[in-house]
Amino acid sequence: MTTAVPRLGVTFIPTIEPERLRDFARVAESSGLDEIWLWEDCFKESGVASASAALAWTERIHVGVGLMPVPLRNVALTAMEIATMARLFPGRVIAGVGHGVQDWMGQVGARAGSPMTLLEEYSVALRALLDGESVSTRGRYVRLDDVKLDWPPAERVPLMLGGEGPKSIRLAARLGDGNLLPSAVGDDDVRRTRDLIAEEIGAARAASHHVVVPKIAATGDGAQRRVDAELARWEKPADTGIGVAGDAATIAAEVRRLADLGATSVAITPTEDEPDLLGFVEFIGRDVKPLLAR
């Protein structure tokens, strides 16, 4: 059986100045890429504001927020923001939610005693709100009284859930349209995620369940050094398949390999010290993407 060609995207990491997003988004689209992924890391950049701007500056490319930390956000507000983007830019919004980094949540006084309970209550309510339902619930964390969006999305918005522990992966498989893997994951992480998804929802449903995998990459002079430095920042060893350095054929082969492991979408992530950000984005779209179908 031939593995389907995965969607290919790039990540605008929040260590890049926000004012560089416009050119980044336009180059990503003009070079033929499928997706742009944004992070909502504390205390760097807003995922929703960035996504709205990227959508407004482009016409075709899908834009995903991976992910919005649920302890920071009232679920009704998140639903309103996603729905507004979806109606302004139909068919191009991908919404992602997750636990958030617990230390950061503690810094703002939003750390939940049970992150799993919060994410489950939140995801169920958010999906119902986005589907246009009237929601009343009194959970441990999520409490809504006859809340219904006046302007729900005109079509279903994919709701992706993030998390790396087994319970979080299973929850995302059960309640989400797809799983968002965290940055700096290796081959074993991708295999484990796919296995847990299949165990949770069955092989038939798992076959169409989306799995978004980030991949740190670099090309050109000093590429391997930059990737190695990035892995050191994440405190990850260099032999676990987390990063790739090389030419277009090398990176395309890595993307195809991730598809064989179960990725349906690969988000290429530049290193923090990428010397030619726009050139790198164009290289991924113009040089790497055409090789995926070969």
C-alpha atoms as a PDB file:
ATOM      1  CA  MET A   1       0.000   0.000   0.000  1.00  0.00           C
ATOM      2  CA  THR A   2       1.324   3.455  -0.951  1.00  0.00           C
ATOM      3  CA  THR A   3       1.360   6.009   1.841  1.00  0.00           C
ATOM      4  CA  ALA A   4      -0.609   9.165   1.032  1.00  0.00           C
ATOM      5  CA  VAL A   5       1.426  12.290   0.401  1.00  0.00           C
ATOM      6  CA  PRO A   6       1.297  14.334   3.626  1.00  0.00           C
ATOM      7  CA  ARG A   7       0.358  17.981   3.747  1.00  0.00           C
ATOM      8  CA  LEU A   8       3.441  20.143   4.087  1.00  0.00           C
ATOM      9  CA  GLY A   9       3.592  23.306   6.143  1.00  0.00           C
ATOM     10  CA  VAL A  10       5.968  25.632   7.927  1.00  0.00           C
ATOM     11  CA  THR A  11       5.957  26.917  11.482  1.00  0.00           C
ATOM     12  CA  PHE A  12       6.266  30.579  12.386  1.00  0.00           C
ATOM     13  CA  ILE A  13       7.961  30.089  15.725  1.00  0.00           C
ATOM     14  CA  PRO A  14       7.222  32.787  18.332  1.00  0.00           C
ATOM     15  CA  THR A  15      10.892  33.660  18.777  1.00  0.00           C
ATOM     16  CA  ILE A  16      10.541  35.430  15.403  1.00  0.00           C
ATOM     17  CA  GLU A  17       9.395  39.047  15.637  1.00  0.00           C
ATOM     18  CA  PRO A  18       5.646  39.365  14.911  1.00  0.00           C
ATOM     19  CA  GLU A  19       6.245  42.017  12.259  1.00  0.00           C
ATOM     20  CA  ARG A  20       7.973  39.407  10.067  1.00  0.00           C
ATOM     21  CA  LEU A  21       4.819  37.296   9.779  1.00  0.00           C
ATOM     22  CA  ARG A  22       3.366  39.097   6.743  1.00  0.00           C
ATOM     23  CA  ASP A  23       6.268  38.300   4.420  1.00  0.00           C
ATOM     24  CA  PHE A  24       6.566  34.811   5.917  1.00  0.00           C
ATOM     25  CA  ALA A  25       2.896  34.042   5.193  1.00  0.00           C
ATOM     26  CA  ARG A  26       2.994  35.431   1.680  1.00  0.00           C
ATOM     27  CA  VAL A  27       6.127  33.489   0.761  1.00  0.00           C
ATOM     28  CA  ALA A  28       4.667  30.297   2.264  1.00  0.00           C
ATOM     29  CA  GLU A  29       1.607  30.659   0.057  1.00  0.00           C
ATOM     30  CA  SER A  30       3.397  31.727  -3.121  1.00  0.00           C
ATOM     31  CA  SER A  31       5.822  28.817  -2.840  1.00  0.00           C
ATOM     32  CA  GLY A  32       2.954  26.311  -2.810  1.00  0.00           C
ATOM     33  CA  LEU A  33       2.920  25.148   0.810  1.00  0.00           C
ATOM     34  CA  ASP A  34      -0.284  23.755   2.316  1.00  0.00           C
ATOM     35  CA  GLU A  35      -0.214  25.117   5.849  1.00  0.00           C
ATOM     36  CA  ILE A  36       1.221  27.704   8.216  1.00  0.00           C
ATOM     37  CA  TRP A  37       1.379  26.754  11.888  1.00  0.00           C
ATOM     38  CA  LEU A  38       1.550  29.242  14.759  1.00  0.00           C
ATOM     39  CA  TRP A  39       2.269  28.756  18.442  1.00  0.00           C
ATOM     40  CA  GLU A  40       0.692  30.596  21.350  1.00  0.00           C
ATOM     41  CA  ASP A  41       3.642  30.394  23.722  1.00  0.00           C
ATOM     42  CA  CYS A  42       3.667  32.446  26.896  1.00  0.00           C
ATOM     43  CA  PHE A  43       4.542  35.230  26.840  1.00  0.00           C
ATOM     44  CA  LYS A  44       5.429  35.786  23.237  1.00  0.00           C
ATOM     45  CA  GLU A  45       2.704  36.080  20.590  1.00  0.00           C
ATOM     46  CA  SER A  46      -1.054  35.628  20.387  1.00  0.00           C
ATOM     47  CA  GLY A  47      -2.036  32.681  18.239  1.00  0.00           C
ATOM     48  CA  VAL A  48      -5.416  34.131  17.301  1.00  0.00           C
ATOM     49  CA  ALA A  49      -4.160  37.616  16.386  1.00  0.00           C
ATOM     50  CA  SER A  50      -1.329  36.094  14.355  1.00  0.00           C
ATOM     51  CA  ALA A  51      -3.627  33.617  12.608  1.00  0.00           C
ATOM     52  CA  SER A  52      -6.128  36.336  11.684  1.00  0.00           C
ATOM     53  CA  ALA A  53      -3.366  38.462  10.191  1.00  0.00           C
ATOM     54  CA  ALA A  54      -1.830  35.558   8.277  1.00  0.00           C
ATOM     55  CA  LEU A  55      -5.227  34.635   6.870  1.00  0.00           C
ATOM     56  CA  ALA A  56      -5.882  38.219   5.795  1.00  0.00           C
ATOM     57  CA  TRP A  57      -2.511  38.445   4.036  1.00  0.00           C
ATOM     58  CA  THR A  58      -3.116  35.246   2.043  1.00  0.00           C
ATOM     59  CA  GLU A  59      -5.853  33.705  -0.088  1.00  0.00           C
ATOM     60  CA  ARG A  60      -5.378  29.937  -0.233  1.00  0.00           C
ATOM     61  CA  ILE A  61      -3.121  28.522   2.446  1.00  0.00           C
ATOM     62  CA  HIS A  62      -4.522  26.938   5.618  1.00  0.00           C
ATOM     63  CA  VAL A  63      -3.513  28.499   8.931  1.00  0.00           C
ATOM     64  CA  GLY A  64      -3.417  26.521  12.157  1.00  0.00           C
ATOM     65  CA  VAL A  65      -2.930  27.584  15.756  1.00  0.00           C
ATOM     66  CA  GLY A  66      -1.139  24.770  17.472  1.00  0.00           C
ATOM     67  CA  LEU A  67      -2.064  25.324  20.151  1.00  0.00           C
ATOM     68  CA  MET A  68      -4.188  27.605  22.344  1.00  0.00           C
ATOM     69  CA  PRO A  69      -3.690  26.796  26.065  1.00  0.00           C
ATOM     70  CA  VAL A  70      -7.134  26.156  27.526  1.00  0.00           C
ATOM     71  CA  PRO A  71      -6.390  27.371  31.097  1.00  0.00           C
ATOM     72  CA  LEU A  72      -5.748  30.855  29.659  1.00  0.00           C
ATOM     73  CA  ARG A  73      -9.021  31.100  27.730  1.00  0.00           C
ATOM     74  CA  ASN A  74     -12.705  31.038  28.534  1.00  0.00           C
ATOM     75  CA  VAL A  75     -14.190  28.468  26.164  1.00  0.00           C
ATOM     76  CA  ALA A  76     -16.942  30.810  24.943  1.00  0.00           C
ATOM     77  CA  LEU A  77     -14.363  33.421  23.953  1.00  0.00           C
ATOM     78  CA  THR A  78     -12.270  30.815  22.138  1.00  0.00           C
ATOM     79  CA  ALA A  79     -15.354  29.639  20.259  1.00  0.00           C
ATOM     80  CA  MET A  80     -16.211  33.217  19.283  1.00  0.00           C
ATOM     81  CA  GLU A  81     -12.701  33.868  18.002  1.00  0.00           C
ATOM     82  CA  ILE A  82     -12.470  30.642  16.008  1.00  0.00           C
ATOM     83  CA  ALA A  83     -15.945  31.119  14.561  1.00  0.00           C
ATOM     84  CA  THR A  84     -15.198  34.683  13.513  1.00  0.00           C
ATOM     85  CA  MET A  85     -11.998  33.636  11.736  1.00  0.00           C
ATOM     86  CA  ALA A  86     -13.796  30.727  10.081  1.00  0.00           C
ATOM     87  CA  ARG A  87     -16.522  32.973   8.693  1.00  0.00           C
ATOM     88  CA  LEU A  88     -14.049  35.611   7.538  1.00  0.00           C
ATOM     89  CA  PHE A  89     -11.772  33.020   5.910  1.00  0.00           C
ATOM     90  CA  PRO A  90     -13.933  29.973   5.118  1.00  0.00           C
ATOM     91  CA  GLY A  91     -12.264  26.591   4.922  1.00  0.00           C
ATOM     92  CA  ARG A  92      -8.789  27.772   5.907  1.00  0.00           C
ATOM     93  CA  VAL A  93      -8.788  27.781   9.725  1.00  0.00           C
ATOM     94  CA  ILE A  94      -7.397  24.900  11.802  1.00  0.00           C
ATOM     95  CA  ALA A  95      -7.950  25.291  15.537  1.00  0.00           C
ATOM     96  CA  GLY A  96      -5.756  23.592  18.106  1.00  0.00           C
ATOM     97  CA  VAL A  97      -6.136  23.495  21.886  1.00  0.00           C
ATOM     98  CA  GLY A  98      -4.242  21.796  24.667  1.00  0.00           C
ATOM     99  CA  HIS A  99      -3.066  21.878  28.260  1.00  0.00           C
ATOM    100  CA  GLY A 100      -0.417  24.554  27.849  1.00  0.00           C
ATOM    101  CA  VAL A 101       2.884  24.476  29.735  1.00  0.00           C
ATOM    102  CA  GLN A 102       1.933  24.043  33.350  1.00  0.00           C
ATOM    103  CA  ASP A 103       4.661  26.308  34.735  1.00  0.00           C
ATOM    104  CA  TRP A 104       3.426  29.117  32.511  1.00  0.00           C
ATOM    105  CA  MET A 105      -0.146  28.481  33.557  1.00  0.00           C
ATOM    106  CA  GLY A 106       0.996  28.771  37.162  1.00  0.00           C
ATOM    107  CA  GLN A 107       2.653  32.106  36.428  1.00  0.00           C
ATOM    108  CA  VAL A 108      -0.680  33.628  35.447  1.00  0.00           C
ATOM    109  CA  GLY A 109      -2.706  31.973  38.194  1.00  0.00           C
ATOM    110  CA  ALA A 110      -4.508  29.640  35.793  1.00  0.00           C
ATOM    111  CA  ARG A 111      -2.962  26.265  36.577  1.00  0.00           C
ATOM    112  CA  ALA A 112      -5.661  23.595  36.804  1.00  0.00           C
ATOM    113  CA  GLY A 113      -5.684  20.935  39.486  1.00  0.00           C
ATOM    114  CA  SER A 114      -6.673  18.379  36.843  1.00  0.00           C
ATOM    115  CA  PRO A 115      -5.500  19.396  33.366  1.00  0.00           C
ATOM    116  CA  MET A 116      -7.102  16.286  31.862  1.00  0.00           C
ATOM    117  CA  THR A 117     -10.539  17.114  33.278  1.00  0.00           C
ATOM    118  CA  LEU A 118     -10.251  20.701  32.075  1.00  0.00           C
ATOM    119  CA  LEU A 119      -9.222  19.697  28.546  1.00  0.00           C
ATOM    120  CA  GLU A 120     -12.022  17.152  28.255  1.00  0.00           C
ATOM    121  CA  GLU A 121     -14.733  19.536  29.491  1.00  0.00           C
ATOM    122  CA  TYR A 122     -13.354  22.334  27.345  1.00  0.00           C
ATOM    123  CA  SER A 123     -13.038  20.275  24.149  1.00  0.00           C
ATOM    124  CA  VAL A 124     -16.564  18.893  24.396  1.00  0.00           C
ATOM    125  CA  ALA A 125     -18.038  22.361  24.966  1.00  0.00           C
ATOM    126  CA  LEU A 126     -15.916  23.988  22.263  1.00  0.00           C
ATOM    127  CA  ARG A 127     -16.885  21.416  19.648  1.00  0.00           C
ATOM    128  CA  ALA A 128     -20.566  21.839  20.468  1.00  0.00           C
ATOM    129  CA  LEU A 129     -20.355  25.635  20.322  1.00  0.00           C
ATOM    130  CA  LEU A 130     -18.543  25.571  16.983  1.00  0.00           C
ATOM    131  CA  ASP A 131     -21.209  23.197  15.677  1.00  0.00           C
ATOM    132  CA  GLY A 132     -23.858  25.799  16.488  1.00  0.00           C
ATOM    133  CA  GLU A 133     -25.356  24.065  19.516  1.00  0.00           C
ATOM    134  CA  SER A 134     -26.747  25.707  22.634  1.00  0.00           C
ATOM    135  CA  VAL A 135     -24.564  24.556  25.513  1.00  0.00           C
ATOM    136  CA  SER A 136     -25.368  24.345  29.196  1.00  0.00           C
ATOM    137  CA  THR A 137     -22.915  22.560  31.440  1.00  0.00           C
ATOM    138  CA  ARG A 138     -21.671  22.731  35.001  1.00  0.00           C
ATOM    139  CA  GLY A 139     -18.407  20.864  35.086  1.00  0.00           C
ATOM    140  CA  ARG A 140     -15.500  21.182  37.419  1.00  0.00           C
ATOM    141  CA  TYR A 141     -13.983  23.924  35.239  1.00  0.00           C
ATOM    142  CA  VAL A 142     -16.308  24.687  32.324  1.00  0.00           C
ATOM    143  CA  ARG A 143     -19.619  26.283  33.243  1.00  0.00           C
ATOM    144  CA  LEU A 144     -21.978  27.566  30.589  1.00  0.00           C
ATOM    145  CA  ASP A 145     -25.626  28.550  30.822  1.00  0.00           C
ATOM    146  CA  ASP A 146     -27.509  28.338  27.521  1.00  0.00           C
ATOM    147  CA  VAL A 147     -24.574  29.692  25.500  1.00  0.00           C
ATOM    148  CA  LYS A 148     -24.943  29.653  21.723  1.00  0.00           C
ATOM    149  CA  LEU A 149     -22.940  31.475  19.071  1.00  0.00           C
ATOM    150  CA  ASP A 150     -24.911  33.950  16.978  1.00  0.00           C
ATOM    151  CA  TRP A 151     -22.467  33.412  14.116  1.00  0.00           C
ATOM    152  CA  PRO A 152     -21.167  29.838  14.234  1.00  0.00           C
ATOM    153  CA  PRO A 153     -18.891  28.658  11.416  1.00  0.00           C
ATOM    154  CA  ALA A 154     -20.720  27.980   8.169  1.00  0.00           C
ATOM    155  CA  GLU A 155     -18.775  24.733   7.826  1.00  0.00           C
ATOM    156  CA  ARG A 156     -17.059  22.422  10.282  1.00  0.00           C
ATOM    157  CA  VAL A 157     -13.751  23.737  11.619  1.00  0.00           C
ATOM    158  CA  PRO A 158     -11.151  21.028  12.326  1.00  0.00           C
ATOM    159  CA  LEU A 159     -10.456  20.920  16.062  1.00  0.00           C
ATOM    160  CA  MET A 160      -7.033  19.537  16.863  1.00  0.00           C
ATOM    161  CA  LEU A 161      -5.931  18.591  20.370  1.00  0.00           C
ATOM    162  CA  GLY A 162      -2.370  18.543  21.633  1.00  0.00           C
ATOM    163  CA  GLY A 163      -0.649  16.543  24.343  1.00  0.00           C
ATOM    164  CA  GLU A 164       2.209  14.104  24.721  1.00  0.00           C
ATOM    165  CA  GLY A 165       1.279  11.852  27.640  1.00  0.00           C
ATOM    166  CA  PRO A 166      -0.649   8.639  26.897  1.00  0.00           C
ATOM    167  CA  LYS A 167      -3.854   9.919  28.512  1.00  0.00           C
ATOM    168  CA  SER A 168      -3.676  13.196  26.583  1.00  0.00           C
ATOM    169  CA  ILE A 169      -3.023  11.393  23.293  1.00  0.00           C
ATOM    170  CA  ARG A 170      -6.014   9.126  23.865  1.00  0.00           C
ATOM    171  CA  LEU A 171      -8.232  12.067  24.804  1.00  0.00           C
ATOM    172  CA  ALA A 172      -7.202  13.934  21.660  1.00  0.00           C
ATOM    173  CA  ALA A 173      -7.947  10.884  19.524  1.00  0.00           C
ATOM    174  CA  ARG A 174     -11.376  10.450  21.078  1.00  0.00           C
ATOM    175  CA  LEU A 175     -12.537  14.076  21.108  1.00  0.00           C
ATOM    176  CA  GLY A 176     -10.546  15.814  18.372  1.00  0.00           C
ATOM    177  CA  ASP A 177     -10.324  15.723  14.613  1.00  0.00           C
ATOM    178  CA  GLY A 178      -6.618  15.158  14.973  1.00  0.00           C
ATOM    179  CA  ASN A 179      -3.605  15.041  17.271  1.00  0.00           C
ATOM    180  CA  LEU A 180      -0.990  17.772  17.474  1.00  0.00           C
ATOM    181  CA  LEU A 181       2.396  16.432  18.478  1.00  0.00           C
ATOM    182  CA  PRO A 182       4.691  18.709  20.477  1.00  0.00           C
ATOM    183  CA  SER A 183       7.887  20.117  19.049  1.00  0.00           C
ATOM    184  CA  ALA A 184      11.104  18.116  19.113  1.00  0.00           C
ATOM    185  CA  VAL A 185       9.529  14.676  18.853  1.00  0.00           C
ATOM    186  CA  GLY A 186      11.380  11.636  17.613  1.00  0.00           C
ATOM    187  CA  ASP A 187      10.410   8.548  15.660  1.00  0.00           C
ATOM    188  CA  ASP A 188       9.357   6.597  18.729  1.00  0.00           C
ATOM    189  CA  ASP A 189       7.035   9.430  19.772  1.00  0.00           C
ATOM    190  CA  VAL A 190       5.275   9.359  16.396  1.00  0.00           C
ATOM    191  CA  ARG A 191       4.904   5.572  16.451  1.00  0.00           C
ATOM    192  CA  ARG A 192       3.614   5.599  20.022  1.00  0.00           C
ATOM    193  CA  THR A 193       1.089   8.320  19.192  1.00  0.00           C
ATOM    194  CA  ARG A 194      -0.245   6.408  16.205  1.00  0.00           C
ATOM    195  CA  ASP A 195      -0.488   3.170  18.229  1.00  0.00           C
ATOM    196  CA  LEU A 196      -2.386   4.900  21.040  1.00  0.00           C
ATOM    197  CA  ILE A 197      -4.760   6.543  18.562  1.00  0.00           C
ATOM    198  CA  ALA A 198      -5.547   3.180  16.976  1.00  0.00           C
ATOM    199  CA  GLU A 199      -6.087   1.587  20.384  1.00  0.00           C
ATOM    200  CA  GLU A 200      -8.443   4.391  21.417  1.00  0.00           C
ATOM    201  CA  ILE A 201     -10.620   4.797  18.321  1.00  0.00           C
ATOM    202  CA  GLY A 202      -9.920   1.664  16.307  1.00  0.00           C
ATOM    203  CA  ALA A 203      -7.847   1.105  13.194  1.00  0.00           C
ATOM    204  CA  ALA A 204     -10.579   2.140  10.758  1.00  0.00           C
ATOM    205  CA  ARG A 205     -11.122   5.582  12.308  1.00  0.00           C
ATOM    206  CA  ALA A 206      -7.421   6.001  12.976  1.00  0.00           C
ATOM    207  CA  ALA A 207      -6.723   5.675   9.255  1.00  0.00           C
ATOM    208  CA  SER A 208      -8.473   9.009   8.603  1.00  0.00           C
ATOM    209  CA  HIS A 209      -7.449  10.719  11.853  1.00  0.00           C
ATOM    210  CA  HIS A 210      -5.044  13.620  11.346  1.00  0.00           C
ATOM    211  CA  VAL A 211      -1.618  13.628  12.971  1.00  0.00           C
ATOM    212  CA  VAL A 212       0.450  16.808  12.721  1.00  0.00           C
ATOM    213  CA  VAL A 213       4.163  16.278  13.301  1.00  0.00           C
ATOM    214  CA  PRO A 214       6.667  19.145  13.631  1.00  0.00           C
ATOM    215  CA  LYS A 215      10.139  18.640  12.165  1.00  0.00           C
ATOM    216  CA  ILE A 216      13.102  20.901  12.880  1.00  0.00           C
ATOM    217  CA  ALA A 217      15.079  21.415   9.671  1.00  0.00           C
ATOM    218  CA  ALA A 218      17.897  23.414   8.108  1.00  0.00           C
ATOM    219  CA  THR A 219      19.679  23.558   4.774  1.00  0.00           C
ATOM    220  CA  GLY A 220      22.762  25.166   3.321  1.00  0.00           C
ATOM    221  CA  ASP A 221      26.051  26.006   4.984  1.00  0.00           C
ATOM    222  CA  GLY A 222      26.130  25.149   8.680  1.00  0.00           C
ATOM    223  CA  ALA A 223      22.788  23.308   8.531  1.00  0.00           C
ATOM    224  CA  GLN A 224      23.835  20.407  10.741  1.00  0.00           C
ATOM    225  CA  ARG A 225      25.413  22.730  13.285  1.00  0.00           C
ATOM    226  CA  ARG A 226      22.190  24.766  13.497  1.00  0.00           C
ATOM    227  CA  VAL A 227      20.039  21.652  13.919  1.00  0.00           C
ATOM    228  CA  ASP A 228      22.368  20.285  16.610  1.00  0.00           C
ATOM    229  CA  ALA A 229      22.203  23.604  18.469  1.00  0.00           C
ATOM    230  CA  GLU A 230      18.403  23.540  18.263  1.00  0.00           C
ATOM    231  CA  LEU A 231      18.239  20.034  19.702  1.00  0.00           C
ATOM    232  CA  ALA A 232      20.498  21.137  22.551  1.00  0.00           C
ATOM    233  CA  ARG A 233      18.034  23.933  23.348  1.00  0.00           C
ATOM    234  CA  TRP A 234      15.303  21.304  23.629  1.00  0.00           C
ATOM    235  CA  GLU A 235      17.671  19.074  25.640  1.00  0.00           C
ATOM    236  CA  LYS A 236      17.172  16.281  23.131  1.00  0.00           C
ATOM    237  CA  PRO A 237      19.803  13.822  21.810  1.00  0.00           C
ATOM    238  CA  ALA A 238      20.762  14.054  18.154  1.00  0.00           C
ATOM    239  CA  ASP A 239      20.068  10.416  17.295  1.00  0.00           C
ATOM    240  CA  THR A 240      16.291  10.266  17.820  1.00  0.00           C
ATOM    241  CA  GLY A 241      15.079  11.613  14.468  1.00  0.00           C
ATOM    242  CA  ILE A 242      14.044  15.006  15.830  1.00  0.00           C
ATOM    243  CA  GLY A 243      15.849  17.210  13.323  1.00  0.00           C
ATOM    244  CA  VAL A 244      17.062  16.955   9.743  1.00  0.00           C
ATOM    245  CA  ALA A 245      19.784  18.862   7.907  1.00  0.00           C
ATOM    246  CA  GLY A 246      20.463  18.646   4.204  1.00  0.00           C
ATOM    247  CA  ASP A 247      19.316  19.408   0.705  1.00  0.00           C
ATOM    248  CA  ALA A 248      15.797  19.196  -0.718  1.00  0.00           C
ATOM    249  CA  ALA A 249      16.018  15.473  -1.434  1.00  0.00           C
ATOM    250  CA  THR A 250      17.158  14.740   2.123  1.00  0.00           C
ATOM    251  CA  ILE A 251      14.365  16.760   3.719  1.00  0.00           C
ATOM    252  CA  ALA A 252      11.747  15.345   1.323  1.00  0.00           C
ATOM    253  CA  ALA A 253      12.850  11.823   2.195  1.00  0.00           C
ATOM    254  CA  GLU A 254      12.422  12.669   5.872  1.00  0.00           C
ATOM    255  CA  VAL A 255       8.907  13.987   5.285  1.00  0.00           C
ATOM    256  CA  ARG A 256       7.971  10.829   3.374  1.00  0.00           C
ATOM    257  CA  ARG A 257       9.408   8.740   6.190  1.00  0.00           C
ATOM    258  CA  LEU A 258       7.284  10.585   8.737  1.00  0.00           C
ATOM    259  CA  ALA A 259       4.253   9.874   6.578  1.00  0.00           C
ATOM    260  CA  ASP A 260       5.140   6.185   6.689  1.00  0.00           C
ATOM    261  CA  LEU A 261       5.233   6.469  10.484  1.00  0.00           C
ATOM    262  CA  GLY A 262       1.740   7.977  10.535  1.00  0.00           C
ATOM    263  CA  ALA A 263       2.014  11.732   9.970  1.00  0.00           C
ATOM    264  CA  THR A 264      -0.719  13.217   7.779  1.00  0.00           C
ATOM    265  CA  SER A 265       0.788  16.697   7.995  1.00  0.00           C
ATOM    266  CA  VAL A 266       4.393  17.751   8.594  1.00  0.00           C
ATOM    267  CA  ALA A 267       5.164  21.236   9.892  1.00  0.00           C
ATOM    268  CA  ILE A 268       8.741  22.137   9.022  1.00  0.00           C
ATOM    269  CA  THR A 269      10.188  24.271  11.811  1.00  0.00           C
ATOM    270  CA  PRO A 270      13.182  26.540  11.173  1.00  0.00           C
ATOM    271  CA  THR A 271      15.958  26.823  13.705  1.00  0.00           C
ATOM    272  CA  GLU A 272      15.994  29.912  15.885  1.00  0.00           C
ATOM    273  CA  ASP A 273      19.179  31.098  14.168  1.00  0.00           C
ATOM    274  CA  GLU A 274      18.012  30.466  10.579  1.00  0.00           C
ATOM    275  CA  PRO A 275      19.988  33.099   8.619  1.00  0.00           C
ATOM    276  CA  ASP A 276      17.576  33.387   5.668  1.00  0.00           C
ATOM    277  CA  LEU A 277      14.048  32.796   6.954  1.00  0.00           C
ATOM    278  CA  LEU A 278      12.144  33.717   3.784  1.00  0.00           C
ATOM    279  CA  GLY A 279      14.623  31.862   1.610  1.00  0.00           C
ATOM    280  CA  PHE A 280      14.172  28.797   3.790  1.00  0.00           C
ATOM    281  CA  VAL A 281      10.370  28.955   3.526  1.00  0.00           C
ATOM    282  CA  GLU A 282      10.589  29.296  -0.247  1.00  0.00           C
ATOM    283  CA  PHE A 283      13.034  26.369  -0.402  1.00  0.00           C
ATOM    284  CA  ILE A 284      10.586  24.134   1.493  1.00  0.00           C
ATOM    285  CA  GLY A 285       7.746  25.006  -0.860  1.00  0.00           C
ATOM    286  CA  ARG A 286       9.517  25.252  -4.203  1.00  0.00           C
ATOM    287  CA  ASP A 287      12.210  22.575  -3.792  1.00  0.00           C
ATOM    288  CA  VAL A 288      11.034  20.091  -1.153  1.00  0.00           C
ATOM    289  CA  LYS A 289       7.285  19.851  -1.735  1.00  0.00           C
ATOM    290  CA  PRO A 290       7.466  18.791  -5.425  1.00  0.00           C
ATOM    291  CA  LEU A 291       9.643  15.832  -4.414  1.00  0.00           C
ATOM    292  CA  LEU A 292       7.066  14.330  -2.060  1.00  0.00           C
ATOM    293  CA  ALA A 293       4.990  12.713  -4.790  1.00  0.00           C
ATOM    294  CA  ARG A 294       7.973  10.971  -6.388  1.00  0.00           C
END
